[in-house]
Amino acid sequence: MTVFTYENIYVAVDGSKEAEFAFEKAVGITKRNAGSHLCLIHIVDQRATISMDYGDGANMERAVEYAEDMLATYKERAASYGVENVQVIVEQGSPKQALVKKFATLSETDLVICGATGLNRIERFLIGSVSDNIIRSSGCDVLVVRTPERFLT
């Protein structure tokens, strides 16, 4: 039997409960795979910030600062759990498209972790979800983490 280890683990986080559980799983998997690298990634949704912007880019700047602060907090937490090799990436775009594009260009990626969405069946049918796109487009293993029901209320 061949033992496979994950060396490059990417987790998409957005500050949601789902992302919180994905982060926790990512930390655990990183710790179990000695010498592995954890990358925390967040895509600032340009459509949401542009629609609220008055042309001066202030909302986008605030959204990027928020994302950087959030990822810095996640990075500190990972370090407190004993994970030292942590990288953060903040990019702008449509999360659905940008994450798939990012993971497609990362040939060294072994595992992508993301939280399951709270979309219902009709919403998933009409607009799909970020996790669905990652599963369909990724060239590596993907772990979609479900939030325990007791935390959904």
N, C-alpha and C. Protein backbone atom coordinates (compact mmCIF):
# COMPACT_ATOMS: atom_id res chain seq x y z
N MET A 1 0.84 -1.18 0.00
CA MET A 1 0.00 0.00 0.00
C MET A 1 0.88 1.25 0.00
N THR A 2 0.59 2.15 -0.89
CA THR A 2 1.32 3.41 -0.97
C THR A 2 0.68 4.42 -0.03
N VAL A 3 1.51 5.07 0.76
CA VAL A 3 1.02 6.11 1.66
C VAL A 3 1.20 7.45 0.95
N PHE A 4 0.11 8.14 0.75
CA PHE A 4 0.14 9.43 0.07
C PHE A 4 0.09 10.55 1.10
N THR A 5 0.95 11.52 0.92
CA THR A 5 0.91 12.68 1.81
C THR A 5 0.59 13.93 0.99
N TYR A 6 -0.05 14.86 1.64
CA TYR A 6 -0.34 16.15 1.02
C TYR A 6 0.77 17.12 1.39
N GLU A 7 1.39 17.72 0.39
CA GLU A 7 2.46 18.68 0.64
C GLU A 7 1.98 20.12 0.52
N ASN A 8 1.10 20.39 -0.42
CA ASN A 8 0.61 21.75 -0.67
C ASN A 8 -0.90 21.77 -0.54
N ILE A 9 -1.36 22.34 0.57
CA ILE A 9 -2.77 22.34 0.92
C ILE A 9 -3.29 23.78 0.84
N TYR A 10 -4.35 23.95 0.06
CA TYR A 10 -4.95 25.27 -0.12
C TYR A 10 -6.35 25.26 0.48
N VAL A 11 -6.67 26.28 1.25
CA VAL A 11 -8.01 26.38 1.82
C VAL A 11 -8.58 27.76 1.49
N ALA A 12 -9.79 27.74 0.92
CA ALA A 12 -10.48 28.97 0.58
C ALA A 12 -11.28 29.41 1.80
N VAL A 13 -11.07 30.64 2.23
CA VAL A 13 -11.78 31.17 3.40
C VAL A 13 -12.43 32.50 3.06
N ASP A 14 -13.60 32.72 3.67
CA ASP A 14 -14.32 33.98 3.42
C ASP A 14 -14.92 34.57 4.68
N GLY A 15 -14.58 34.01 5.84
CA GLY A 15 -15.11 34.54 7.10
C GLY A 15 -16.41 33.89 7.53
N SER A 16 -16.95 32.98 6.73
CA SER A 16 -18.21 32.33 7.07
C SER A 16 -17.98 31.17 8.03
N LYS A 17 -19.09 30.65 8.59
CA LYS A 17 -19.00 29.46 9.45
C LYS A 17 -18.43 28.29 8.67
N GLU A 18 -18.87 28.16 7.41
CA GLU A 18 -18.39 27.07 6.57
C GLU A 18 -16.88 27.15 6.37
N ALA A 19 -16.38 28.34 6.14
CA ALA A 19 -14.95 28.53 5.95
C ALA A 19 -14.18 28.26 7.24
N GLU A 20 -14.79 28.57 8.36
CA GLU A 20 -14.16 28.32 9.66
C GLU A 20 -13.90 26.82 9.84
N PHE A 21 -14.90 26.01 9.51
CA PHE A 21 -14.72 24.56 9.63
C PHE A 21 -13.72 24.04 8.60
N ALA A 22 -13.72 24.62 7.41
CA ALA A 22 -12.74 24.22 6.39
C ALA A 22 -11.32 24.54 6.88
N PHE A 23 -11.16 25.71 7.50
CA PHE A 23 -9.86 26.09 8.05
C PHE A 23 -9.40 25.10 9.12
N GLU A 24 -10.30 24.75 10.03
CA GLU A 24 -9.96 23.81 11.10
C GLU A 24 -9.51 22.46 10.52
N LYS A 25 -10.24 21.96 9.52
CA LYS A 25 -9.85 20.70 8.87
C LYS A 25 -8.50 20.85 8.20
N ALA A 26 -8.27 21.97 7.54
CA ALA A 26 -7.00 22.21 6.84
C ALA A 26 -5.83 22.20 7.81
N VAL A 27 -6.00 22.81 8.96
CA VAL A 27 -4.95 22.82 9.97
C VAL A 27 -4.65 21.39 10.43
N GLY A 28 -5.69 20.63 10.70
CA GLY A 28 -5.50 19.25 11.14
C GLY A 28 -4.78 18.41 10.10
N ILE A 29 -5.17 18.55 8.84
CA ILE A 29 -4.54 17.79 7.77
C ILE A 29 -3.09 18.23 7.59
N THR A 30 -2.84 19.52 7.68
CA THR A 30 -1.47 20.04 7.54
C THR A 30 -0.59 19.48 8.65
N LYS A 31 -1.09 19.45 9.86
CA LYS A 31 -0.30 18.92 10.98
C LYS A 31 -0.01 17.43 10.81
N ARG A 32 -0.94 16.68 10.25
CA ARG A 32 -0.74 15.24 10.07
C ARG A 32 0.21 14.93 8.91
N ASN A 33 0.46 15.88 8.05
CA ASN A 33 1.34 15.70 6.91
C ASN A 33 2.60 16.53 7.13
N ALA A 34 3.55 15.95 7.85
CA ALA A 34 4.77 16.67 8.25
C ALA A 34 5.44 17.32 7.05
N GLY A 35 5.83 18.56 7.25
CA GLY A 35 6.53 19.32 6.21
C GLY A 35 5.62 19.92 5.16
N SER A 36 4.31 19.80 5.33
CA SER A 36 3.40 20.34 4.33
C SER A 36 3.27 21.85 4.45
N HIS A 37 2.74 22.44 3.41
CA HIS A 37 2.59 23.88 3.27
C HIS A 37 1.10 24.20 3.21
N LEU A 38 0.65 25.15 4.02
CA LEU A 38 -0.75 25.56 4.04
C LEU A 38 -0.86 26.94 3.42
N CYS A 39 -1.77 27.06 2.47
CA CYS A 39 -2.02 28.36 1.84
C CYS A 39 -3.47 28.74 2.07
N LEU A 40 -3.67 29.91 2.65
CA LEU A 40 -5.01 30.46 2.89
C LEU A 40 -5.31 31.44 1.77
N ILE A 41 -6.45 31.27 1.11
CA ILE A 41 -6.76 32.12 -0.03
C ILE A 41 -8.16 32.71 0.11
N HIS A 42 -8.26 33.99 -0.25
CA HIS A 42 -9.55 34.68 -0.23
C HIS A 42 -9.66 35.51 -1.51
N ILE A 43 -10.81 35.42 -2.14
CA ILE A 43 -11.08 36.23 -3.33
C ILE A 43 -12.07 37.31 -2.96
N VAL A 44 -11.67 38.57 -3.12
CA VAL A 44 -12.57 39.70 -2.89
C VAL A 44 -13.48 39.79 -4.10
N ASP A 45 -14.77 39.67 -3.87
CA ASP A 45 -15.75 39.66 -4.95
C ASP A 45 -15.89 41.07 -5.53
N GLN A 46 -15.32 41.27 -6.71
CA GLN A 46 -15.35 42.59 -7.34
C GLN A 46 -16.76 43.05 -7.66
N ARG A 47 -17.61 42.12 -8.03
CA ARG A 47 -18.99 42.51 -8.39
C ARG A 47 -19.69 43.16 -7.21
N ALA A 48 -19.50 42.62 -6.04
CA ALA A 48 -20.18 43.16 -4.85
C ALA A 48 -19.62 44.52 -4.47
N THR A 49 -18.29 44.67 -4.53
CA THR A 49 -17.71 45.94 -4.12
C THR A 49 -17.92 47.03 -5.17
N ILE A 50 -17.89 46.67 -6.44
CA ILE A 50 -18.09 47.68 -7.49
C ILE A 50 -19.52 48.19 -7.47
N SER A 51 -20.48 47.31 -7.23
CA SER A 51 -21.88 47.74 -7.22
C SER A 51 -22.17 48.71 -6.08
N MET A 52 -21.35 48.71 -5.03
CA MET A 52 -21.56 49.62 -3.91
C MET A 52 -20.59 50.80 -3.95
N ASP A 53 -19.75 50.85 -4.98
CA ASP A 53 -18.71 51.86 -5.05
C ASP A 53 -19.22 53.11 -5.78
N TYR A 54 -18.62 54.24 -5.47
CA TYR A 54 -18.99 55.49 -6.13
C TYR A 54 -17.91 55.94 -7.11
N GLY A 55 -17.13 54.97 -7.59
CA GLY A 55 -16.12 55.28 -8.59
C GLY A 55 -14.75 55.62 -8.02
N ASP A 56 -14.62 55.71 -6.70
CA ASP A 56 -13.34 56.08 -6.12
C ASP A 56 -12.53 54.87 -5.65
N GLY A 57 -13.10 53.67 -5.75
CA GLY A 57 -12.38 52.46 -5.36
C GLY A 57 -12.26 52.24 -3.86
N ALA A 58 -12.91 53.09 -3.06
CA ALA A 58 -12.77 52.99 -1.60
C ALA A 58 -13.32 51.67 -1.07
N ASN A 59 -14.44 51.21 -1.61
CA ASN A 59 -15.02 49.95 -1.12
C ASN A 59 -14.10 48.78 -1.41
N MET A 60 -13.48 48.77 -2.58
CA MET A 60 -12.56 47.68 -2.92
C MET A 60 -11.36 47.71 -1.98
N GLU A 61 -10.83 48.90 -1.72
CA GLU A 61 -9.70 49.01 -0.80
C GLU A 61 -10.06 48.48 0.58
N ARG A 62 -11.24 48.86 1.08
CA ARG A 62 -11.69 48.37 2.39
C ARG A 62 -11.88 46.85 2.37
N ALA A 63 -12.42 46.32 1.29
CA ALA A 63 -12.65 44.88 1.19
C ALA A 63 -11.31 44.13 1.17
N VAL A 64 -10.33 44.67 0.48
CA VAL A 64 -9.01 44.03 0.44
C VAL A 64 -8.35 44.10 1.81
N GLU A 65 -8.44 45.24 2.48
CA GLU A 65 -7.89 45.37 3.84
C GLU A 65 -8.56 44.39 4.80
N TYR A 66 -9.88 44.27 4.70
CA TYR A 66 -10.61 43.32 5.54
C TYR A 66 -10.10 41.90 5.28
N ALA A 67 -9.94 41.55 4.01
CA ALA A 67 -9.47 40.21 3.64
C ALA A 67 -8.06 39.96 4.18
N GLU A 68 -7.19 40.95 4.04
CA GLU A 68 -5.81 40.80 4.54
C GLU A 68 -5.79 40.61 6.05
N ASP A 69 -6.61 41.39 6.76
CA ASP A 69 -6.70 41.26 8.22
C ASP A 69 -7.25 39.88 8.62
N MET A 70 -8.29 39.44 7.90
CA MET A 70 -8.89 38.15 8.19
C MET A 70 -7.87 37.03 7.99
N LEU A 71 -7.13 37.08 6.88
CA LEU A 71 -6.14 36.04 6.61
C LEU A 71 -4.97 36.10 7.59
N ALA A 72 -4.61 37.30 8.02
CA ALA A 72 -3.54 37.42 9.03
C ALA A 72 -3.99 36.76 10.34
N THR A 73 -5.25 36.92 10.69
CA THR A 73 -5.79 36.28 11.90
C THR A 73 -5.77 34.76 11.74
N TYR A 74 -6.22 34.26 10.59
CA TYR A 74 -6.17 32.82 10.33
C TYR A 74 -4.73 32.31 10.40
N LYS A 75 -3.80 33.07 9.84
CA LYS A 75 -2.39 32.66 9.85
C LYS A 75 -1.86 32.58 11.28
N GLU A 76 -2.20 33.57 12.11
CA GLU A 76 -1.79 33.55 13.52
C GLU A 76 -2.38 32.34 14.24
N ARG A 77 -3.64 32.04 13.96
CA ARG A 77 -4.28 30.87 14.58
C ARG A 77 -3.59 29.58 14.15
N ALA A 78 -3.27 29.48 12.86
CA ALA A 78 -2.57 28.28 12.38
C ALA A 78 -1.24 28.13 13.09
N ALA A 79 -0.51 29.23 13.27
CA ALA A 79 0.77 29.19 13.98
C ALA A 79 0.57 28.76 15.42
N SER A 80 -0.51 29.23 16.05
CA SER A 80 -0.76 28.84 17.44
C SER A 80 -1.07 27.35 17.58
N TYR A 81 -1.53 26.73 16.49
CA TYR A 81 -1.79 25.29 16.46
C TYR A 81 -0.54 24.50 16.06
N GLY A 82 0.55 25.21 15.76
CA GLY A 82 1.80 24.53 15.41
C GLY A 82 2.06 24.42 13.92
N VAL A 83 1.27 25.10 13.09
CA VAL A 83 1.51 25.10 11.65
C VAL A 83 2.30 26.36 11.31
N GLU A 84 3.53 26.17 10.88
CA GLU A 84 4.40 27.33 10.65
C GLU A 84 4.53 27.73 9.20
N ASN A 85 4.38 26.79 8.29
CA ASN A 85 4.58 27.09 6.88
C ASN A 85 3.24 27.49 6.26
N VAL A 86 2.87 28.78 6.46
CA VAL A 86 1.57 29.29 6.02
C VAL A 86 1.77 30.49 5.11
N GLN A 87 1.07 30.46 4.00
CA GLN A 87 1.09 31.56 3.04
C GLN A 87 -0.32 32.09 2.91
N VAL A 88 -0.47 33.38 2.61
CA VAL A 88 -1.80 33.95 2.38
C VAL A 88 -1.85 34.58 0.99
N ILE A 89 -3.01 34.45 0.36
CA ILE A 89 -3.22 35.05 -0.97
C ILE A 89 -4.55 35.77 -0.95
N VAL A 90 -4.53 37.05 -1.34
CA VAL A 90 -5.75 37.82 -1.52
C VAL A 90 -5.78 38.26 -2.97
N GLU A 91 -6.85 37.92 -3.67
CA GLU A 91 -7.01 38.33 -5.05
C GLU A 91 -8.40 38.91 -5.24
N GLN A 92 -8.61 39.56 -6.38
CA GLN A 92 -9.89 40.18 -6.68
C GLN A 92 -10.51 39.49 -7.89
N GLY A 93 -11.83 39.45 -7.90
CA GLY A 93 -12.55 38.85 -9.02
C GLY A 93 -13.81 38.18 -8.55
N SER A 94 -14.32 37.32 -9.39
CA SER A 94 -15.47 36.49 -9.03
C SER A 94 -14.92 35.26 -8.31
N PRO A 95 -15.33 35.02 -7.06
CA PRO A 95 -14.77 33.87 -6.33
C PRO A 95 -14.88 32.57 -7.11
N LYS A 96 -16.01 32.35 -7.76
CA LYS A 96 -16.22 31.12 -8.51
C LYS A 96 -15.16 30.96 -9.60
N GLN A 97 -14.93 32.00 -10.36
CA GLN A 97 -13.99 31.93 -11.48
C GLN A 97 -12.54 32.05 -11.02
N ALA A 98 -12.28 32.96 -10.09
CA ALA A 98 -10.91 33.22 -9.67
C ALA A 98 -10.29 32.03 -8.95
N LEU A 99 -11.06 31.36 -8.10
CA LEU A 99 -10.52 30.20 -7.38
C LEU A 99 -10.20 29.06 -8.34
N VAL A 100 -11.10 28.80 -9.26
CA VAL A 100 -10.85 27.74 -10.24
C VAL A 100 -9.63 28.08 -11.08
N LYS A 101 -9.53 29.32 -11.53
CA LYS A 101 -8.38 29.74 -12.32
C LYS A 101 -7.09 29.62 -11.51
N LYS A 102 -7.14 30.04 -10.26
CA LYS A 102 -5.97 29.98 -9.39
C LYS A 102 -5.52 28.54 -9.18
N PHE A 103 -6.45 27.66 -8.85
CA PHE A 103 -6.08 26.27 -8.58
C PHE A 103 -5.62 25.56 -9.85
N ALA A 104 -6.15 25.96 -11.00
CA ALA A 104 -5.74 25.34 -12.26
C ALA A 104 -4.29 25.68 -12.60
N THR A 105 -3.82 26.85 -12.16
CA THR A 105 -2.44 27.25 -12.46
C THR A 105 -1.44 26.77 -11.41
N LEU A 106 -1.92 26.22 -10.32
CA LEU A 106 -1.05 25.74 -9.26
C LEU A 106 -0.83 24.24 -9.42
N SER A 107 0.13 23.89 -10.26
CA SER A 107 0.33 22.47 -10.57
C SER A 107 0.83 21.68 -9.36
N GLU A 108 1.40 22.35 -8.38
CA GLU A 108 1.90 21.64 -7.21
C GLU A 108 0.84 21.42 -6.14
N THR A 109 -0.37 21.91 -6.36
CA THR A 109 -1.44 21.75 -5.37
C THR A 109 -1.82 20.29 -5.23
N ASP A 110 -1.84 19.80 -4.00
CA ASP A 110 -2.23 18.41 -3.73
C ASP A 110 -3.66 18.31 -3.23
N LEU A 111 -4.10 19.34 -2.49
CA LEU A 111 -5.42 19.29 -1.87
C LEU A 111 -5.99 20.68 -1.78
N VAL A 112 -7.26 20.81 -2.17
CA VAL A 112 -8.00 22.06 -2.02
C VAL A 112 -9.13 21.78 -1.03
N ILE A 113 -9.27 22.66 -0.06
CA ILE A 113 -10.31 22.50 0.96
C ILE A 113 -11.20 23.74 0.93
N CYS A 114 -12.50 23.52 0.96
CA CYS A 114 -13.43 24.65 1.01
C CYS A 114 -14.65 24.23 1.81
N GLY A 115 -15.39 25.21 2.26
CA GLY A 115 -16.61 24.94 3.00
C GLY A 115 -17.77 24.72 2.05
N ALA A 116 -18.72 23.91 2.46
CA ALA A 116 -19.95 23.73 1.69
C ALA A 116 -20.79 24.99 1.86
N THR A 117 -21.54 25.31 0.85
CA THR A 117 -22.37 26.51 0.92
C THR A 117 -23.70 26.22 1.58
N GLY A 118 -24.40 27.27 1.90
CA GLY A 118 -25.73 27.14 2.45
C GLY A 118 -26.81 27.24 1.39
N LEU A 119 -26.43 27.08 0.12
CA LEU A 119 -27.42 27.19 -0.95
C LEU A 119 -28.42 26.03 -0.90
N ASN A 120 -29.67 26.33 -1.21
CA ASN A 120 -30.64 25.24 -1.32
C ASN A 120 -30.56 24.63 -2.72
N ARG A 121 -31.34 23.61 -2.96
CA ARG A 121 -31.26 22.86 -4.22
C ARG A 121 -31.54 23.76 -5.43
N ILE A 122 -32.51 24.64 -5.34
CA ILE A 122 -32.87 25.51 -6.47
C ILE A 122 -31.74 26.52 -6.74
N GLU A 123 -31.20 27.13 -5.67
CA GLU A 123 -30.10 28.08 -5.85
C GLU A 123 -28.89 27.40 -6.48
N ARG A 124 -28.57 26.19 -6.03
CA ARG A 124 -27.44 25.46 -6.63
C ARG A 124 -27.68 25.20 -8.10
N PHE A 125 -28.92 24.86 -8.46
CA PHE A 125 -29.26 24.59 -9.86
C PHE A 125 -29.11 25.86 -10.70
N LEU A 126 -29.59 26.98 -10.19
CA LEU A 126 -29.58 28.21 -10.97
C LEU A 126 -28.21 28.88 -11.05
N ILE A 127 -27.51 28.95 -9.93
CA ILE A 127 -26.25 29.69 -9.93
C ILE A 127 -25.03 28.83 -9.62
N GLY A 128 -25.25 27.62 -9.13
CA GLY A 128 -24.11 26.78 -8.77
C GLY A 128 -23.43 27.32 -7.54
N SER A 129 -22.42 26.64 -7.08
CA SER A 129 -21.69 27.11 -5.91
C SER A 129 -20.21 27.12 -6.21
N VAL A 130 -19.48 27.84 -5.40
CA VAL A 130 -18.03 27.91 -5.54
C VAL A 130 -17.44 26.51 -5.38
N SER A 131 -17.91 25.77 -4.37
CA SER A 131 -17.37 24.43 -4.14
C SER A 131 -17.66 23.51 -5.33
N ASP A 132 -18.84 23.62 -5.93
CA ASP A 132 -19.14 22.82 -7.13
C ASP A 132 -18.14 23.11 -8.24
N ASN A 133 -17.87 24.38 -8.46
CA ASN A 133 -16.91 24.75 -9.51
C ASN A 133 -15.52 24.21 -9.23
N ILE A 134 -15.10 24.28 -7.98
CA ILE A 134 -13.77 23.78 -7.62
C ILE A 134 -13.70 22.27 -7.86
N ILE A 135 -14.74 21.55 -7.46
CA ILE A 135 -14.76 20.10 -7.64
C ILE A 135 -14.66 19.74 -9.12
N ARG A 136 -15.45 20.41 -9.94
CA ARG A 136 -15.47 20.09 -11.37
C ARG A 136 -14.18 20.48 -12.08
N SER A 137 -13.48 21.49 -11.61
CA SER A 137 -12.36 22.04 -12.37
C SER A 137 -10.99 21.73 -11.81
N SER A 138 -10.92 21.27 -10.59
CA SER A 138 -9.62 21.07 -9.95
C SER A 138 -8.95 19.80 -10.46
N GLY A 139 -7.63 19.88 -10.57
CA GLY A 139 -6.84 18.72 -10.99
C GLY A 139 -6.26 17.95 -9.83
N CYS A 140 -6.75 18.23 -8.63
CA CYS A 140 -6.23 17.54 -7.45
C CYS A 140 -7.40 17.14 -6.55
N ASP A 141 -7.09 16.54 -5.43
CA ASP A 141 -8.13 16.17 -4.47
C ASP A 141 -8.80 17.43 -3.92
N VAL A 142 -10.09 17.32 -3.68
CA VAL A 142 -10.87 18.42 -3.12
C VAL A 142 -11.66 17.88 -1.93
N LEU A 143 -11.59 18.61 -0.82
CA LEU A 143 -12.37 18.26 0.36
C LEU A 143 -13.36 19.39 0.61
N VAL A 144 -14.64 19.07 0.54
CA VAL A 144 -15.69 20.04 0.85
C VAL A 144 -16.17 19.73 2.26
N VAL A 145 -15.99 20.68 3.14
CA VAL A 145 -16.28 20.48 4.56
C VAL A 145 -17.68 20.98 4.87
N ARG A 146 -18.47 20.11 5.43
CA ARG A 146 -19.82 20.46 5.85
C ARG A 146 -19.80 21.03 7.27
N THR A 147 -20.60 22.04 7.49
CA THR A 147 -20.75 22.62 8.82
C THR A 147 -21.72 21.77 9.61
N PRO A 148 -21.35 21.33 10.80
CA PRO A 148 -22.29 20.56 11.62
C PRO A 148 -23.57 21.35 11.84
N GLU A 149 -24.71 20.67 11.77
CA GLU A 149 -26.01 21.34 11.87
C GLU A 149 -26.18 22.18 13.11
N ARG A 150 -25.56 21.76 14.22
CA ARG A 150 -25.74 22.52 15.46
C ARG A 150 -25.14 23.92 15.37
N PHE A 151 -24.28 24.18 14.38
CA PHE A 151 -23.66 25.49 14.22
C PHE A 151 -24.34 26.33 13.16
N LEU A 152 -25.34 25.81 12.49
CA LEU A 152 -25.99 26.53 11.40
C LEU A 152 -27.05 27.52 11.85
N THR A 153 -27.47 27.45 13.08
CA THR A 153 -28.53 28.35 13.54
C THR A 153 -27.97 29.58 14.20
